[in-house]
Amino acid sequence: MQLFLFEFFLGGLIFLSEKRPFDLLNAALNNPVLIKLKGSVEIRGTLNSFDVHMNLVLDNAEELENGDLKRKLGSIFLRGDTVVFISPA
């Protein structure tokens, strides 16, 4: 699967680049990310590593509730099939 990034301007469309999902995850390595899990759980932390199943290892992880810190988790492993989305934090 390939993801295409586009930029919209004044009703026009410019093709910027072609990216694959793992290219985006590689770019997020060692950077803060926000992850939403099944069950509406939100986790924020530094992406340490991932694999082809989207299993993730985060450092300095925190659980959020309504955007506010609920508890600090430290270094954690998240199973890939629980991940709904990942975005830059």
PDB file of N, CA and C in Angstrom:
ATOM      1  N   MET A   1       0.844  -1.173   0.000  1.00  0.00           N
ATOM      2  CA  MET A   1       0.000   0.000   0.000  1.00  0.00           C
ATOM      3  C   MET A   1       0.885   1.230   0.000  1.00  0.00           C
ATOM      4  N   GLN A   2       0.555   2.189  -0.826  1.00  0.00           N
ATOM      5  CA  GLN A   2       1.304   3.427  -0.881  1.00  0.00           C
ATOM      6  C   GLN A   2       0.400   4.575  -0.478  1.00  0.00           C
ATOM      7  N   LEU A   3       0.982   5.541   0.184  1.00  0.00           N
ATOM      8  CA  LEU A   3       0.258   6.723   0.617  1.00  0.00           C
ATOM      9  C   LEU A   3       0.779   7.887  -0.189  1.00  0.00           C
ATOM     10  N   PHE A   4      -0.107   8.651  -0.790  1.00  0.00           N
ATOM     11  CA  PHE A   4       0.296   9.794  -1.583  1.00  0.00           C
ATOM     12  C   PHE A   4      -0.004  11.064  -0.815  1.00  0.00           C
ATOM     13  N   LEU A   5       0.954  11.950  -0.754  1.00  0.00           N
ATOM     14  CA  LEU A   5       0.781  13.224  -0.073  1.00  0.00           C
ATOM     15  C   LEU A   5       0.538  14.304  -1.113  1.00  0.00           C
ATOM     16  N   PHE A   6      -0.468  15.114  -0.895  1.00  0.00           N
ATOM     17  CA  PHE A   6      -0.813  16.171  -1.825  1.00  0.00           C
ATOM     18  C   PHE A   6      -0.887  17.495  -1.078  1.00  0.00           C
ATOM     19  N   GLU A   7      -0.712  18.568  -1.789  1.00  0.00           N
ATOM     20  CA  GLU A   7      -0.881  19.900  -1.216  1.00  0.00           C
ATOM     21  C   GLU A   7      -1.955  20.613  -2.032  1.00  0.00           C
ATOM     22  N   PHE A   8      -2.943  21.160  -1.340  1.00  0.00           N
ATOM     23  CA  PHE A   8      -4.020  21.869  -2.007  1.00  0.00           C
ATOM     24  C   PHE A   8      -3.772  23.368  -1.909  1.00  0.00           C
ATOM     25  N   PHE A   9      -4.026  24.097  -2.965  1.00  0.00           N
ATOM     26  CA  PHE A   9      -3.881  25.543  -2.934  1.00  0.00           C
ATOM     27  C   PHE A   9      -4.821  26.156  -3.960  1.00  0.00           C
ATOM     28  N   LEU A  10      -5.531  27.165  -3.591  1.00  0.00           N
ATOM     29  CA  LEU A  10      -6.410  27.918  -4.481  1.00  0.00           C
ATOM     30  C   LEU A  10      -7.170  27.029  -5.462  1.00  0.00           C
ATOM     31  N   GLY A  11      -7.734  25.953  -4.942  1.00  0.00           N
ATOM     32  CA  GLY A  11      -8.516  25.061  -5.781  1.00  0.00           C
ATOM     33  C   GLY A  11      -7.686  24.132  -6.649  1.00  0.00           C
ATOM     34  N   GLY A  12      -6.368  24.251  -6.588  1.00  0.00           N
ATOM     35  CA  GLY A  12      -5.489  23.393  -7.392  1.00  0.00           C
ATOM     36  C   GLY A  12      -4.902  22.283  -6.552  1.00  0.00           C
ATOM     37  N   LEU A  13      -4.154  21.452  -7.179  1.00  0.00           N
ATOM     38  CA  LEU A  13      -3.568  20.305  -6.502  1.00  0.00           C
ATOM     39  C   LEU A  13      -2.148  20.115  -7.017  1.00  0.00           C
ATOM     40  N   ILE A  14      -1.201  19.999  -6.099  1.00  0.00           N
ATOM     41  CA  ILE A  14       0.188  19.747  -6.471  1.00  0.00           C
ATOM     42  C   ILE A  14       0.590  18.412  -5.865  1.00  0.00           C
ATOM     43  N   PHE A  15       1.148  17.540  -6.672  1.00  0.00           N
ATOM     44  CA  PHE A  15       1.653  16.264  -6.170  1.00  0.00           C
ATOM     45  C   PHE A  15       3.001  16.519  -5.516  1.00  0.00           C
ATOM     46  N   LEU A  16       3.118  16.222  -4.218  1.00  0.00           N
ATOM     47  CA  LEU A  16       4.363  16.472  -3.497  1.00  0.00           C
ATOM     48  C   LEU A  16       5.296  15.270  -3.530  1.00  0.00           C
ATOM     49  N   SER A  17       4.835  14.140  -3.060  1.00  0.00           N
ATOM     50  CA  SER A  17       5.718  12.983  -3.005  1.00  0.00           C
ATOM     51  C   SER A  17       4.913  11.718  -2.769  1.00  0.00           C
ATOM     52  N   GLU A  18       5.565  10.616  -3.000  1.00  0.00           N
ATOM     53  CA  GLU A  18       4.957   9.315  -2.756  1.00  0.00           C
ATOM     54  C   GLU A  18       5.629   8.729  -1.524  1.00  0.00           C
ATOM     55  N   LYS A  19       4.842   8.344  -0.537  1.00  0.00           N
ATOM     56  CA  LYS A  19       5.382   7.778   0.697  1.00  0.00           C
ATOM     57  C   LYS A  19       4.656   6.481   1.006  1.00  0.00           C
ATOM     58  N   ARG A  20       5.354   5.596   1.670  1.00  0.00           N
ATOM     59  CA  ARG A  20       4.754   4.370   2.180  1.00  0.00           C
ATOM     60  C   ARG A  20       4.567   4.540   3.681  1.00  0.00           C
ATOM     61  N   PRO A  21       3.613   3.830   4.278  1.00  0.00           N
ATOM     62  CA  PRO A  21       3.379   4.002   5.721  1.00  0.00           C
ATOM     63  C   PRO A  21       4.635   3.819   6.572  1.00  0.00           C
ATOM     64  N   PHE A  22       5.477   2.849   6.235  1.00  0.00           N
ATOM     65  CA  PHE A  22       6.676   2.639   7.044  1.00  0.00           C
ATOM     66  C   PHE A  22       7.696   3.760   6.855  1.00  0.00           C
ATOM     67  N   ASP A  23       7.655   4.452   5.719  1.00  0.00           N
ATOM     68  CA  ASP A  23       8.512   5.632   5.544  1.00  0.00           C
ATOM     69  C   ASP A  23       8.128   6.692   6.565  1.00  0.00           C
ATOM     70  N   LEU A  24       6.837   6.857   6.783  1.00  0.00           N
ATOM     71  CA  LEU A  24       6.361   7.852   7.746  1.00  0.00           C
ATOM     72  C   LEU A  24       6.722   7.443   9.172  1.00  0.00           C
ATOM     73  N   LEU A  25       6.621   6.152   9.483  1.00  0.00           N
ATOM     74  CA  LEU A  25       7.013   5.685  10.816  1.00  0.00           C
ATOM     75  C   LEU A  25       8.518   5.834  11.031  1.00  0.00           C
ATOM     76  N   ASN A  26       9.306   5.533   9.998  1.00  0.00           N
ATOM     77  CA  ASN A  26      10.753   5.733  10.111  1.00  0.00           C
ATOM     78  C   ASN A  26      11.088   7.185  10.400  1.00  0.00           C
ATOM     79  N   ALA A  27      10.362   8.100   9.772  1.00  0.00           N
ATOM     80  CA  ALA A  27      10.590   9.530  10.006  1.00  0.00           C
ATOM     81  C   ALA A  27      10.210   9.926  11.431  1.00  0.00           C
ATOM     82  N   ALA A  28       9.304   9.175  12.048  1.00  0.00           N
ATOM     83  CA  ALA A  28       8.850   9.491  13.407  1.00  0.00           C
ATOM     84  C   ALA A  28       9.736   8.881  14.492  1.00  0.00           C
ATOM     85  N   LEU A  29      10.667   8.002  14.117  1.00  0.00           N
ATOM     86  CA  LEU A  29      11.537   7.374  15.115  1.00  0.00           C
ATOM     87  C   LEU A  29      12.283   8.417  15.935  1.00  0.00           C
ATOM     88  N   ASN A  30      12.350   8.168  17.229  1.00  0.00           N
ATOM     89  CA  ASN A  30      13.033   9.054  18.189  1.00  0.00           C
ATOM     90  C   ASN A  30      12.377  10.426  18.311  1.00  0.00           C
ATOM     91  N   ASN A  31      11.124  10.508  17.901  1.00  0.00           N
ATOM     92  CA  ASN A  31      10.347  11.740  18.022  1.00  0.00           C
ATOM     93  C   ASN A  31       9.070  11.457  18.803  1.00  0.00           C
ATOM     94  N   PRO A  32       8.491  12.503  19.408  1.00  0.00           N
ATOM     95  CA  PRO A  32       7.235  12.309  20.145  1.00  0.00           C
ATOM     96  C   PRO A  32       6.070  11.990  19.207  1.00  0.00           C
ATOM     97  N   VAL A  33       5.259  11.023  19.616  1.00  0.00           N
ATOM     98  CA  VAL A  33       4.078  10.638  18.844  1.00  0.00           C
ATOM     99  C   VAL A  33       2.875  10.529  19.778  1.00  0.00           C
ATOM    100  N   LEU A  34       1.700  10.667  19.196  1.00  0.00           N
ATOM    101  CA  LEU A  34       0.440  10.448  19.894  1.00  0.00           C
ATOM    102  C   LEU A  34      -0.190   9.227  19.256  1.00  0.00           C
ATOM    103  N   ILE A  35      -0.580   8.268  20.076  1.00  0.00           N
ATOM    104  CA  ILE A  35      -1.146   7.019  19.578  1.00  0.00           C
ATOM    105  C   ILE A  35      -2.509   6.814  20.205  1.00  0.00           C
ATOM    106  N   LYS A  36      -3.491   6.534  19.361  1.00  0.00           N
ATOM    107  CA  LYS A  36      -4.819   6.196  19.864  1.00  0.00           C
ATOM    108  C   LYS A  36      -4.989   4.693  19.710  1.00  0.00           C
ATOM    109  N   LEU A  37      -5.439   4.063  20.789  1.00  0.00           N
ATOM    110  CA  LEU A  37      -5.645   2.620  20.811  1.00  0.00           C
ATOM    111  C   LEU A  37      -7.133   2.300  20.812  1.00  0.00           C
ATOM    112  N   LYS A  38      -7.470   1.062  20.509  1.00  0.00           N
ATOM    113  CA  LYS A  38      -8.858   0.619  20.629  1.00  0.00           C
ATOM    114  C   LYS A  38      -9.314   0.880  22.054  1.00  0.00           C
ATOM    115  N   GLY A  39     -10.567   1.225  22.218  1.00  0.00           N
ATOM    116  CA  GLY A  39     -11.088   1.542  23.541  1.00  0.00           C
ATOM    117  C   GLY A  39     -10.857   2.990  23.924  1.00  0.00           C
ATOM    118  N   SER A  40     -10.476   3.827  22.948  1.00  0.00           N
ATOM    119  CA  SER A  40     -10.282   5.273  23.144  1.00  0.00           C
ATOM    120  C   SER A  40      -9.147   5.626  24.099  1.00  0.00           C
ATOM    121  N   VAL A  41      -8.192   4.734  24.274  1.00  0.00           N
ATOM    122  CA  VAL A  41      -7.016   5.031  25.099  1.00  0.00           C
ATOM    123  C   VAL A  41      -6.027   5.821  24.246  1.00  0.00           C
ATOM    124  N   GLU A  42      -5.486   6.906  24.805  1.00  0.00           N
ATOM    125  CA  GLU A  42      -4.483   7.705  24.107  1.00  0.00           C
ATOM    126  C   GLU A  42      -3.167   7.645  24.863  1.00  0.00           C
ATOM    127  N   ILE A  43      -2.090   7.421  24.113  1.00  0.00           N
ATOM    128  CA  ILE A  43      -0.749   7.321  24.673  1.00  0.00           C
ATOM    129  C   ILE A  43       0.145   8.316  23.934  1.00  0.00           C
ATOM    130  N   ARG A  44       0.960   9.037  24.694  1.00  0.00           N
ATOM    131  CA  ARG A  44       1.946   9.944  24.101  1.00  0.00           C
ATOM    132  C   ARG A  44       3.323   9.490  24.573  1.00  0.00           C
ATOM    133  N   GLY A  45       4.279   9.467  23.658  1.00  0.00           N
ATOM    134  CA  GLY A  45       5.636   9.078  24.028  1.00  0.00           C
ATOM    135  C   GLY A  45       6.577   9.202  22.851  1.00  0.00           C
ATOM    136  N   THR A  46       7.822   8.822  23.074  1.00  0.00           N
ATOM    137  CA  THR A  46       8.840   8.869  22.030  1.00  0.00           C
ATOM    138  C   THR A  46       8.918   7.504  21.358  1.00  0.00           C
ATOM    139  N   LEU A  47       8.723   7.492  20.033  1.00  0.00           N
ATOM    140  CA  LEU A  47       8.743   6.233  19.289  1.00  0.00           C
ATOM    141  C   LEU A  47      10.172   5.698  19.236  1.00  0.00           C
ATOM    142  N   ASN A  48      10.387   4.549  19.873  1.00  0.00           N
ATOM    143  CA  ASN A  48      11.712   3.939  19.938  1.00  0.00           C
ATOM    144  C   ASN A  48      11.912   2.941  18.806  1.00  0.00           C
ATOM    145  N   SER A  49      10.884   2.116  18.533  1.00  0.00           N
ATOM    146  CA  SER A  49      10.987   1.132  17.455  1.00  0.00           C
ATOM    147  C   SER A  49       9.602   0.622  17.076  1.00  0.00           C
ATOM    148  N   PHE A  50       9.541  -0.051  15.916  1.00  0.00           N
ATOM    149  CA  PHE A  50       8.301  -0.663  15.431  1.00  0.00           C
ATOM    150  C   PHE A  50       8.678  -1.832  14.537  1.00  0.00           C
ATOM    151  N   ASP A  51       7.681  -2.684  14.242  1.00  0.00           N
ATOM    152  CA  ASP A  51       7.922  -3.794  13.321  1.00  0.00           C
ATOM    153  C   ASP A  51       6.814  -3.846  12.275  1.00  0.00           C
ATOM    154  N   VAL A  52       6.850  -4.868  11.415  1.00  0.00           N
ATOM    155  CA  VAL A  52       5.889  -4.962  10.317  1.00  0.00           C
ATOM    156  C   VAL A  52       4.459  -5.191  10.791  1.00  0.00           C
ATOM    157  N   HIS A  53       4.276  -5.615  12.040  1.00  0.00           N
ATOM    158  CA  HIS A  53       2.934  -5.813  12.601  1.00  0.00           C
ATOM    159  C   HIS A  53       2.444  -4.551  13.298  1.00  0.00           C
ATOM    160  N   MET A  54       3.213  -3.488  13.223  1.00  0.00           N
ATOM    161  CA  MET A  54       2.977  -2.208  13.879  1.00  0.00           C
ATOM    162  C   MET A  54       3.000  -2.329  15.397  1.00  0.00           C
ATOM    163  N   ASN A  55       3.692  -3.358  15.910  1.00  0.00           N
ATOM    164  CA  ASN A  55       4.015  -3.376  17.330  1.00  0.00           C
ATOM    165  C   ASN A  55       4.953  -2.202  17.563  1.00  0.00           C
ATOM    166  N   LEU A  56       4.759  -1.498  18.666  1.00  0.00           N
ATOM    167  CA  LEU A  56       5.524  -0.279  18.929  1.00  0.00           C
ATOM    168  C   LEU A  56       6.195  -0.348  20.286  1.00  0.00           C
ATOM    169  N   VAL A  57       7.365   0.242  20.376  1.00  0.00           N
ATOM    170  CA  VAL A  57       8.021   0.458  21.662  1.00  0.00           C
ATOM    171  C   VAL A  57       8.153   1.962  21.838  1.00  0.00           C
ATOM    172  N   LEU A  58       7.634   2.463  22.971  1.00  0.00           N
ATOM    173  CA  LEU A  58       7.697   3.892  23.290  1.00  0.00           C
ATOM    174  C   LEU A  58       8.504   4.097  24.556  1.00  0.00           C
ATOM    175  N   ASP A  59       9.238   5.181  24.588  1.00  0.00           N
ATOM    176  CA  ASP A  59       9.925   5.619  25.802  1.00  0.00           C
ATOM    177  C   ASP A  59       9.205   6.846  26.339  1.00  0.00           C
ATOM    178  N   ASN A  60       9.335   7.092  27.629  1.00  0.00           N
ATOM    179  CA  ASN A  60       8.705   8.253  28.280  1.00  0.00           C
ATOM    180  C   ASN A  60       7.213   8.322  27.973  1.00  0.00           C
ATOM    181  N   ALA A  61       6.552   7.171  27.953  1.00  0.00           N
ATOM    182  CA  ALA A  61       5.137   7.104  27.594  1.00  0.00           C
ATOM    183  C   ALA A  61       4.252   7.619  28.725  1.00  0.00           C
ATOM    184  N   GLU A  62       3.158   8.252  28.309  1.00  0.00           N
ATOM    185  CA  GLU A  62       2.156   8.776  29.241  1.00  0.00           C
ATOM    186  C   GLU A  62       0.776   8.435  28.702  1.00  0.00           C
ATOM    187  N   GLU A  63      -0.125   8.042  29.578  1.00  0.00           N
ATOM    188  CA  GLU A  63      -1.521   7.836  29.196  1.00  0.00           C
ATOM    189  C   GLU A  63      -2.250   9.157  29.376  1.00  0.00           C
ATOM    190  N   LEU A  64      -3.052   9.512  28.372  1.00  0.00           N
ATOM    191  CA  LEU A  64      -3.801  10.764  28.411  1.00  0.00           C
ATOM    192  C   LEU A  64      -5.285  10.481  28.551  1.00  0.00           C
ATOM    193  N   GLU A  65      -5.969  11.401  29.202  1.00  0.00           N
ATOM    194  CA  GLU A  65      -7.425  11.344  29.298  1.00  0.00           C
ATOM    195  C   GLU A  65      -7.939  12.733  28.991  1.00  0.00           C
ATOM    196  N   ASN A  66      -8.711  12.865  27.919  1.00  0.00           N
ATOM    197  CA  ASN A  66      -9.196  14.166  27.449  1.00  0.00           C
ATOM    198  C   ASN A  66      -8.043  15.143  27.229  1.00  0.00           C
ATOM    199  N   GLY A  67      -6.915  14.626  26.730  1.00  0.00           N
ATOM    200  CA  GLY A  67      -5.757  15.461  26.439  1.00  0.00           C
ATOM    201  C   GLY A  67      -4.876  15.788  27.623  1.00  0.00           C
ATOM    202  N   ASP A  68      -5.302  15.413  28.830  1.00  0.00           N
ATOM    203  CA  ASP A  68      -4.524  15.693  30.041  1.00  0.00           C
ATOM    204  C   ASP A  68      -3.833  14.426  30.532  1.00  0.00           C
ATOM    205  N   LEU A  69      -2.707  14.615  31.200  1.00  0.00           N
ATOM    206  CA  LEU A  69      -1.940  13.489  31.728  1.00  0.00           C
ATOM    207  C   LEU A  69      -2.760  12.716  32.758  1.00  0.00           C
ATOM    208  N   LYS A  70      -2.912  11.419  32.523  1.00  0.00           N
ATOM    209  CA  LYS A  70      -3.601  10.550  33.477  1.00  0.00           C
ATOM    210  C   LYS A  70      -2.573   9.830  34.349  1.00  0.00           C
ATOM    211  N   ARG A  71      -1.532   9.254  33.687  1.00  0.00           N
ATOM    212  CA  ARG A  71      -0.451   8.603  34.438  1.00  0.00           C
ATOM    213  C   ARG A  71       0.763   8.406  33.539  1.00  0.00           C
ATOM    214  N   LYS A  72       1.930   8.359  34.174  1.00  0.00           N
ATOM    215  CA  LYS A  72       3.180   8.113  33.460  1.00  0.00           C
ATOM    216  C   LYS A  72       3.410   6.610  33.401  1.00  0.00           C
ATOM    217  N   LEU A  73       3.828   6.136  32.223  1.00  0.00           N
ATOM    218  CA  LEU A  73       4.008   4.705  32.014  1.00  0.00           C
ATOM    219  C   LEU A  73       5.469   4.311  31.812  1.00  0.00           C
ATOM    220  N   GLY A  74       6.310   5.242  31.436  1.00  0.00           N
ATOM    221  CA  GLY A  74       7.719   4.926  31.175  1.00  0.00           C
ATOM    222  C   GLY A  74       7.897   4.255  29.826  1.00  0.00           C
ATOM    223  N   SER A  75       8.741   3.228  29.762  1.00  0.00           N
ATOM    224  CA  SER A  75       8.967   2.476  28.522  1.00  0.00           C
ATOM    225  C   SER A  75       7.914   1.383  28.409  1.00  0.00           C
ATOM    226  N   ILE A  76       7.245   1.345  27.249  1.00  0.00           N
ATOM    227  CA  ILE A  76       6.161   0.375  27.064  1.00  0.00           C
ATOM    228  C   ILE A  76       6.215  -0.258  25.678  1.00  0.00           C
ATOM    229  N   PHE A  77       5.574  -1.410  25.557  1.00  0.00           N
ATOM    230  CA  PHE A  77       5.367  -2.123  24.298  1.00  0.00           C
ATOM    231  C   PHE A  77       3.878  -2.081  24.004  1.00  0.00           C
ATOM    232  N   LEU A  78       3.503  -1.694  22.787  1.00  0.00           N
ATOM    233  CA  LEU A  78       2.097  -1.692  22.376  1.00  0.00           C
ATOM    234  C   LEU A  78       1.918  -2.702  21.253  1.00  0.00           C
ATOM    235  N   ARG A  79       0.955  -3.576  21.408  1.00  0.00           N
ATOM    236  CA  ARG A  79       0.672  -4.570  20.373  1.00  0.00           C
ATOM    237  C   ARG A  79       0.020  -3.878  19.178  1.00  0.00           C
ATOM    238  N   GLY A  80       0.505  -4.177  17.989  1.00  0.00           N
ATOM    239  CA  GLY A  80       0.074  -3.494  16.776  1.00  0.00           C
ATOM    240  C   GLY A  80      -1.405  -3.577  16.475  1.00  0.00           C
ATOM    241  N   ASP A  81      -2.064  -4.694  16.815  1.00  0.00           N
ATOM    242  CA  ASP A  81      -3.482  -4.812  16.469  1.00  0.00           C
ATOM    243  C   ASP A  81      -4.382  -3.978  17.372  1.00  0.00           C
ATOM    244  N   THR A  82      -3.809  -3.289  18.358  1.00  0.00           N
ATOM    245  CA  THR A  82      -4.603  -2.385  19.201  1.00  0.00           C
ATOM    246  C   THR A  82      -4.503  -0.934  18.742  1.00  0.00           C
ATOM    247  N   VAL A  83      -3.593  -0.660  17.791  1.00  0.00           N
ATOM    248  CA  VAL A  83      -3.341   0.717  17.347  1.00  0.00           C
ATOM    249  C   VAL A  83      -4.396   1.155  16.336  1.00  0.00           C
ATOM    250  N   VAL A  84      -5.039   2.295  16.607  1.00  0.00           N
ATOM    251  CA  VAL A  84      -6.008   2.883  15.684  1.00  0.00           C
ATOM    252  C   VAL A  84      -5.309   3.903  14.797  1.00  0.00           C
ATOM    253  N   PHE A  85      -4.509   4.804  15.394  1.00  0.00           N
ATOM    254  CA  PHE A  85      -3.730   5.747  14.592  1.00  0.00           C
ATOM    255  C   PHE A  85      -2.507   6.227  15.352  1.00  0.00           C
ATOM    256  N   ILE A  86      -1.554   6.751  14.585  1.00  0.00           N
ATOM    257  CA  ILE A  86      -0.330   7.342  15.126  1.00  0.00           C
ATOM    258  C   ILE A  86      -0.167   8.697  14.461  1.00  0.00           C
ATOM    259  N   SER A  87       0.143   9.719  15.260  1.00  0.00           N
ATOM    260  CA  SER A  87       0.393  11.046  14.692  1.00  0.00           C
ATOM    261  C   SER A  87       1.530  11.715  15.455  1.00  0.00           C
ATOM    262  N   PRO A  88       2.168  12.713  14.835  1.00  0.00           N
ATOM    263  CA  PRO A  88       3.187  13.467  15.571  1.00  0.00           C
ATOM    264  C   PRO A  88       2.552  14.151  16.771  1.00  0.00           C
ATOM    265  N   ALA A  89       3.263  14.186  17.890  1.00  0.00           N
ATOM    266  CA  ALA A  89       2.711  14.816  19.105  1.00  0.00           C
ATOM    267  C   ALA A  89       3.097  16.278  19.166  1.00  0.00           C
TER     268      ALA A  89
END
